[in-house]
Amino acid sequence: MRKIVLADRKKAAQRGWKMTEMWNISSNPHIRDKRKSSDLMSLVLIALLPATIFGVINFGIDALKVIVLSVTGSVLTEYVYEKLMHKK
């Protein structure tokens, strides 16, 4: 890893670049809003409903089983994590 970094520095020096020109460092691309995360996630769920319905219509009950198992697994995993970390 160190050799790669040194090689990159040598290439940059050969091209006349300074290290500050190589990396563009800026703040995180987060948008500040008064909405809560739970409100945004509700909108995401609403947006995913048409794709979910389309998938169940095209692929049948097996697609619905996969969706239900995935959501259940995700919720249970988050629940166990929060209990282990003594949250909520």
N, C-alpha and C. Protein backbone atom coordinates (compact mmCIF):
# COMPACT_ATOMS: atom_id res chain seq x y z
N MET A 1 0.83 -1.20 0.00
CA MET A 1 0.00 0.00 0.00
C MET A 1 0.87 1.25 0.00
N ARG A 2 1.90 1.23 0.81
CA ARG A 2 2.76 2.40 0.91
C ARG A 2 3.47 2.67 -0.41
N LYS A 3 3.87 1.62 -1.12
CA LYS A 3 4.54 1.79 -2.40
C LYS A 3 3.62 2.46 -3.42
N ILE A 4 2.34 2.09 -3.37
CA ILE A 4 1.38 2.69 -4.29
C ILE A 4 1.24 4.18 -4.02
N VAL A 5 1.17 4.54 -2.74
CA VAL A 5 1.03 5.95 -2.38
C VAL A 5 2.27 6.73 -2.82
N LEU A 6 3.45 6.16 -2.59
CA LEU A 6 4.67 6.83 -3.01
C LEU A 6 4.73 6.96 -4.53
N ALA A 7 4.29 5.93 -5.24
CA ALA A 7 4.27 5.99 -6.70
C ALA A 7 3.32 7.09 -7.17
N ASP A 8 2.18 7.21 -6.51
CA ASP A 8 1.23 8.27 -6.87
C ASP A 8 1.83 9.65 -6.62
N ARG A 9 2.58 9.79 -5.55
CA ARG A 9 3.21 11.07 -5.26
C ARG A 9 4.26 11.41 -6.31
N LYS A 10 5.01 10.40 -6.74
CA LYS A 10 6.03 10.63 -7.76
C LYS A 10 5.37 11.05 -9.07
N LYS A 11 4.27 10.38 -9.44
CA LYS A 11 3.55 10.74 -10.67
C LYS A 11 3.02 12.17 -10.57
N ALA A 12 2.49 12.51 -9.41
CA ALA A 12 1.95 13.85 -9.21
C ALA A 12 3.06 14.89 -9.33
N ALA A 13 4.22 14.59 -8.74
CA ALA A 13 5.34 15.52 -8.82
C ALA A 13 5.83 15.68 -10.25
N GLN A 14 5.82 14.58 -11.01
CA GLN A 14 6.26 14.64 -12.41
C GLN A 14 5.31 15.51 -13.24
N ARG A 15 4.06 15.46 -12.89
CA ARG A 15 3.06 16.24 -13.64
C ARG A 15 2.97 17.67 -13.15
N GLY A 16 3.69 17.98 -12.09
CA GLY A 16 3.68 19.34 -11.57
C GLY A 16 2.53 19.63 -10.63
N TRP A 17 1.88 18.59 -10.15
CA TRP A 17 0.77 18.77 -9.22
C TRP A 17 1.28 18.88 -7.81
N LYS A 18 0.58 19.64 -7.04
CA LYS A 18 0.82 19.66 -5.60
C LYS A 18 -0.15 18.68 -4.97
N MET A 19 0.17 18.24 -3.79
CA MET A 19 -0.71 17.27 -3.11
C MET A 19 -2.10 17.85 -2.87
N THR A 20 -2.19 19.14 -2.63
CA THR A 20 -3.50 19.74 -2.39
C THR A 20 -4.35 19.74 -3.65
N GLU A 21 -3.71 19.72 -4.82
CA GLU A 21 -4.46 19.69 -6.07
C GLU A 21 -4.97 18.29 -6.40
N MET A 22 -4.34 17.28 -5.81
CA MET A 22 -4.74 15.90 -6.10
C MET A 22 -6.06 15.53 -5.44
N TRP A 23 -6.30 16.01 -4.25
CA TRP A 23 -7.47 15.61 -3.49
C TRP A 23 -8.38 16.79 -3.27
N ASN A 24 -9.64 16.61 -3.61
CA ASN A 24 -10.64 17.64 -3.37
C ASN A 24 -11.39 17.26 -2.10
N ILE A 25 -11.12 17.93 -1.02
CA ILE A 25 -11.74 17.61 0.26
C ILE A 25 -12.84 18.63 0.52
N SER A 26 -14.03 18.11 0.77
CA SER A 26 -15.16 18.99 1.05
C SER A 26 -16.03 18.36 2.13
N SER A 27 -17.03 19.08 2.56
CA SER A 27 -17.92 18.57 3.60
C SER A 27 -18.83 17.49 3.03
N ASN A 28 -19.51 16.79 3.91
CA ASN A 28 -20.41 15.72 3.50
C ASN A 28 -21.57 16.28 2.68
N PRO A 29 -22.06 15.50 1.73
CA PRO A 29 -23.15 15.99 0.87
C PRO A 29 -24.53 15.77 1.48
N HIS A 30 -24.70 16.13 2.74
CA HIS A 30 -25.98 15.94 3.39
C HIS A 30 -26.84 17.19 3.22
N ILE A 31 -28.12 16.95 3.00
CA ILE A 31 -29.07 18.05 2.87
C ILE A 31 -29.75 18.24 4.21
N ARG A 32 -29.80 19.43 4.67
CA ARG A 32 -30.45 19.71 5.95
C ARG A 32 -31.91 20.04 5.69
N ASP A 33 -32.77 19.40 6.48
CA ASP A 33 -34.20 19.60 6.30
C ASP A 33 -34.87 19.42 7.66
N LYS A 34 -36.07 19.96 7.79
CA LYS A 34 -36.80 19.84 9.04
C LYS A 34 -37.49 18.49 9.18
N ARG A 35 -37.55 17.72 8.12
CA ARG A 35 -38.20 16.42 8.17
C ARG A 35 -37.36 15.43 8.99
N LYS A 36 -38.06 14.51 9.61
CA LYS A 36 -37.40 13.45 10.37
C LYS A 36 -37.03 12.31 9.43
N SER A 37 -36.11 11.49 9.86
CA SER A 37 -35.72 10.33 9.06
C SER A 37 -36.89 9.38 8.87
N SER A 38 -37.72 9.24 9.89
CA SER A 38 -38.87 8.33 9.78
C SER A 38 -39.86 8.82 8.73
N ASP A 39 -40.02 10.14 8.60
CA ASP A 39 -40.90 10.69 7.57
C ASP A 39 -40.35 10.40 6.17
N LEU A 40 -39.04 10.55 6.02
CA LEU A 40 -38.43 10.26 4.73
C LEU A 40 -38.52 8.78 4.38
N MET A 41 -38.34 7.92 5.37
CA MET A 41 -38.44 6.48 5.12
C MET A 41 -39.86 6.09 4.75
N SER A 42 -40.85 6.78 5.30
CA SER A 42 -42.24 6.53 4.89
C SER A 42 -42.43 6.86 3.42
N LEU A 43 -41.83 7.95 2.99
CA LEU A 43 -41.92 8.32 1.57
C LEU A 43 -41.20 7.29 0.69
N VAL A 44 -40.11 6.74 1.18
CA VAL A 44 -39.39 5.71 0.42
C VAL A 44 -40.26 4.47 0.29
N LEU A 45 -40.93 4.08 1.37
CA LEU A 45 -41.82 2.92 1.31
C LEU A 45 -42.96 3.13 0.32
N ILE A 46 -43.52 4.31 0.32
CA ILE A 46 -44.59 4.62 -0.63
C ILE A 46 -44.07 4.55 -2.07
N ALA A 47 -42.85 5.04 -2.28
CA ALA A 47 -42.27 5.01 -3.62
C ALA A 47 -41.97 3.58 -4.07
N LEU A 48 -41.68 2.68 -3.13
CA LEU A 48 -41.36 1.30 -3.48
C LEU A 48 -42.59 0.42 -3.70
N LEU A 49 -43.75 0.89 -3.28
CA LEU A 49 -44.96 0.07 -3.43
C LEU A 49 -45.26 -0.33 -4.87
N PRO A 50 -45.21 0.57 -5.85
CA PRO A 50 -45.50 0.13 -7.22
C PRO A 50 -44.56 -0.97 -7.72
N ALA A 51 -43.27 -0.86 -7.40
CA ALA A 51 -42.32 -1.89 -7.82
C ALA A 51 -42.60 -3.21 -7.12
N THR A 52 -42.98 -3.13 -5.85
CA THR A 52 -43.31 -4.33 -5.09
C THR A 52 -44.53 -5.03 -5.67
N ILE A 53 -45.56 -4.25 -5.93
CA ILE A 53 -46.79 -4.82 -6.51
C ILE A 53 -46.51 -5.42 -7.88
N PHE A 54 -45.75 -4.73 -8.69
CA PHE A 54 -45.39 -5.23 -10.02
C PHE A 54 -44.61 -6.55 -9.91
N GLY A 55 -43.68 -6.61 -8.97
CA GLY A 55 -42.90 -7.83 -8.78
C GLY A 55 -43.76 -9.00 -8.34
N VAL A 56 -44.69 -8.76 -7.43
CA VAL A 56 -45.57 -9.83 -6.97
C VAL A 56 -46.49 -10.29 -8.09
N ILE A 57 -46.98 -9.35 -8.89
CA ILE A 57 -47.84 -9.74 -10.01
C ILE A 57 -47.06 -10.57 -11.03
N ASN A 58 -45.84 -10.17 -11.35
CA ASN A 58 -45.05 -10.88 -12.35
C ASN A 58 -44.48 -12.20 -11.87
N PHE A 59 -44.02 -12.25 -10.61
CA PHE A 59 -43.31 -13.43 -10.14
C PHE A 59 -44.10 -14.27 -9.15
N GLY A 60 -45.29 -13.82 -8.79
CA GLY A 60 -46.17 -14.63 -7.96
C GLY A 60 -45.89 -14.53 -6.48
N ILE A 61 -46.46 -15.51 -5.78
CA ILE A 61 -46.43 -15.51 -4.32
C ILE A 61 -45.01 -15.70 -3.77
N ASP A 62 -44.14 -16.32 -4.56
CA ASP A 62 -42.76 -16.51 -4.09
C ASP A 62 -42.05 -15.17 -3.89
N ALA A 63 -42.33 -14.21 -4.75
CA ALA A 63 -41.74 -12.87 -4.59
C ALA A 63 -42.23 -12.22 -3.31
N LEU A 64 -43.50 -12.42 -3.00
CA LEU A 64 -44.05 -11.87 -1.75
C LEU A 64 -43.41 -12.52 -0.54
N LYS A 65 -43.16 -13.83 -0.63
CA LYS A 65 -42.49 -14.53 0.47
C LYS A 65 -41.09 -13.97 0.70
N VAL A 66 -40.36 -13.73 -0.38
CA VAL A 66 -39.00 -13.18 -0.26
C VAL A 66 -39.04 -11.78 0.37
N ILE A 67 -39.99 -10.97 -0.04
CA ILE A 67 -40.11 -9.61 0.51
C ILE A 67 -40.42 -9.66 2.00
N VAL A 68 -41.39 -10.50 2.37
CA VAL A 68 -41.78 -10.60 3.79
C VAL A 68 -40.62 -11.13 4.63
N LEU A 69 -39.93 -12.15 4.14
CA LEU A 69 -38.79 -12.69 4.89
C LEU A 69 -37.66 -11.66 5.02
N SER A 70 -37.41 -10.90 3.97
CA SER A 70 -36.35 -9.89 4.00
C SER A 70 -36.67 -8.79 5.00
N VAL A 71 -37.88 -8.30 4.97
CA VAL A 71 -38.28 -7.23 5.89
C VAL A 71 -38.27 -7.74 7.32
N THR A 72 -38.79 -8.95 7.54
CA THR A 72 -38.80 -9.53 8.89
C THR A 72 -37.38 -9.71 9.42
N GLY A 73 -36.49 -10.22 8.59
CA GLY A 73 -35.10 -10.39 8.99
C GLY A 73 -34.43 -9.08 9.32
N SER A 74 -34.70 -8.06 8.54
CA SER A 74 -34.12 -6.74 8.79
C SER A 74 -34.61 -6.15 10.10
N VAL A 75 -35.90 -6.24 10.33
CA VAL A 75 -36.48 -5.68 11.56
C VAL A 75 -35.96 -6.43 12.78
N LEU A 76 -35.91 -7.77 12.70
CA LEU A 76 -35.40 -8.55 13.83
C LEU A 76 -33.92 -8.27 14.10
N THR A 77 -33.14 -8.14 13.05
CA THR A 77 -31.72 -7.83 13.22
C THR A 77 -31.53 -6.49 13.90
N GLU A 78 -32.30 -5.49 13.48
CA GLU A 78 -32.20 -4.18 14.12
C GLU A 78 -32.65 -4.23 15.57
N TYR A 79 -33.69 -5.00 15.84
CA TYR A 79 -34.19 -5.14 17.21
C TYR A 79 -33.12 -5.77 18.11
N VAL A 80 -32.51 -6.85 17.65
CA VAL A 80 -31.48 -7.52 18.44
C VAL A 80 -30.28 -6.60 18.64
N TYR A 81 -29.88 -5.89 17.61
CA TYR A 81 -28.75 -4.96 17.73
C TYR A 81 -29.04 -3.89 18.78
N GLU A 82 -30.23 -3.31 18.73
CA GLU A 82 -30.57 -2.26 19.69
C GLU A 82 -30.63 -2.80 21.11
N LYS A 83 -31.08 -4.03 21.29
CA LYS A 83 -31.10 -4.63 22.63
C LYS A 83 -29.68 -4.88 23.12
N LEU A 84 -28.82 -5.37 22.23
CA LEU A 84 -27.42 -5.62 22.61
C LEU A 84 -26.66 -4.34 22.94
N MET A 85 -26.99 -3.26 22.26
CA MET A 85 -26.32 -1.98 22.49
C MET A 85 -27.03 -1.13 23.53
N HIS A 86 -28.05 -1.69 24.16
CA HIS A 86 -28.83 -1.02 25.20
C HIS A 86 -29.43 0.29 24.71
N LYS A 87 -29.97 0.25 23.50
CA LYS A 87 -30.66 1.42 22.97
C LYS A 87 -32.16 1.18 23.09
N LYS A 88 -32.89 2.24 23.25
CA LYS A 88 -34.36 2.21 23.36
C LYS A 88 -34.82 1.27 24.43
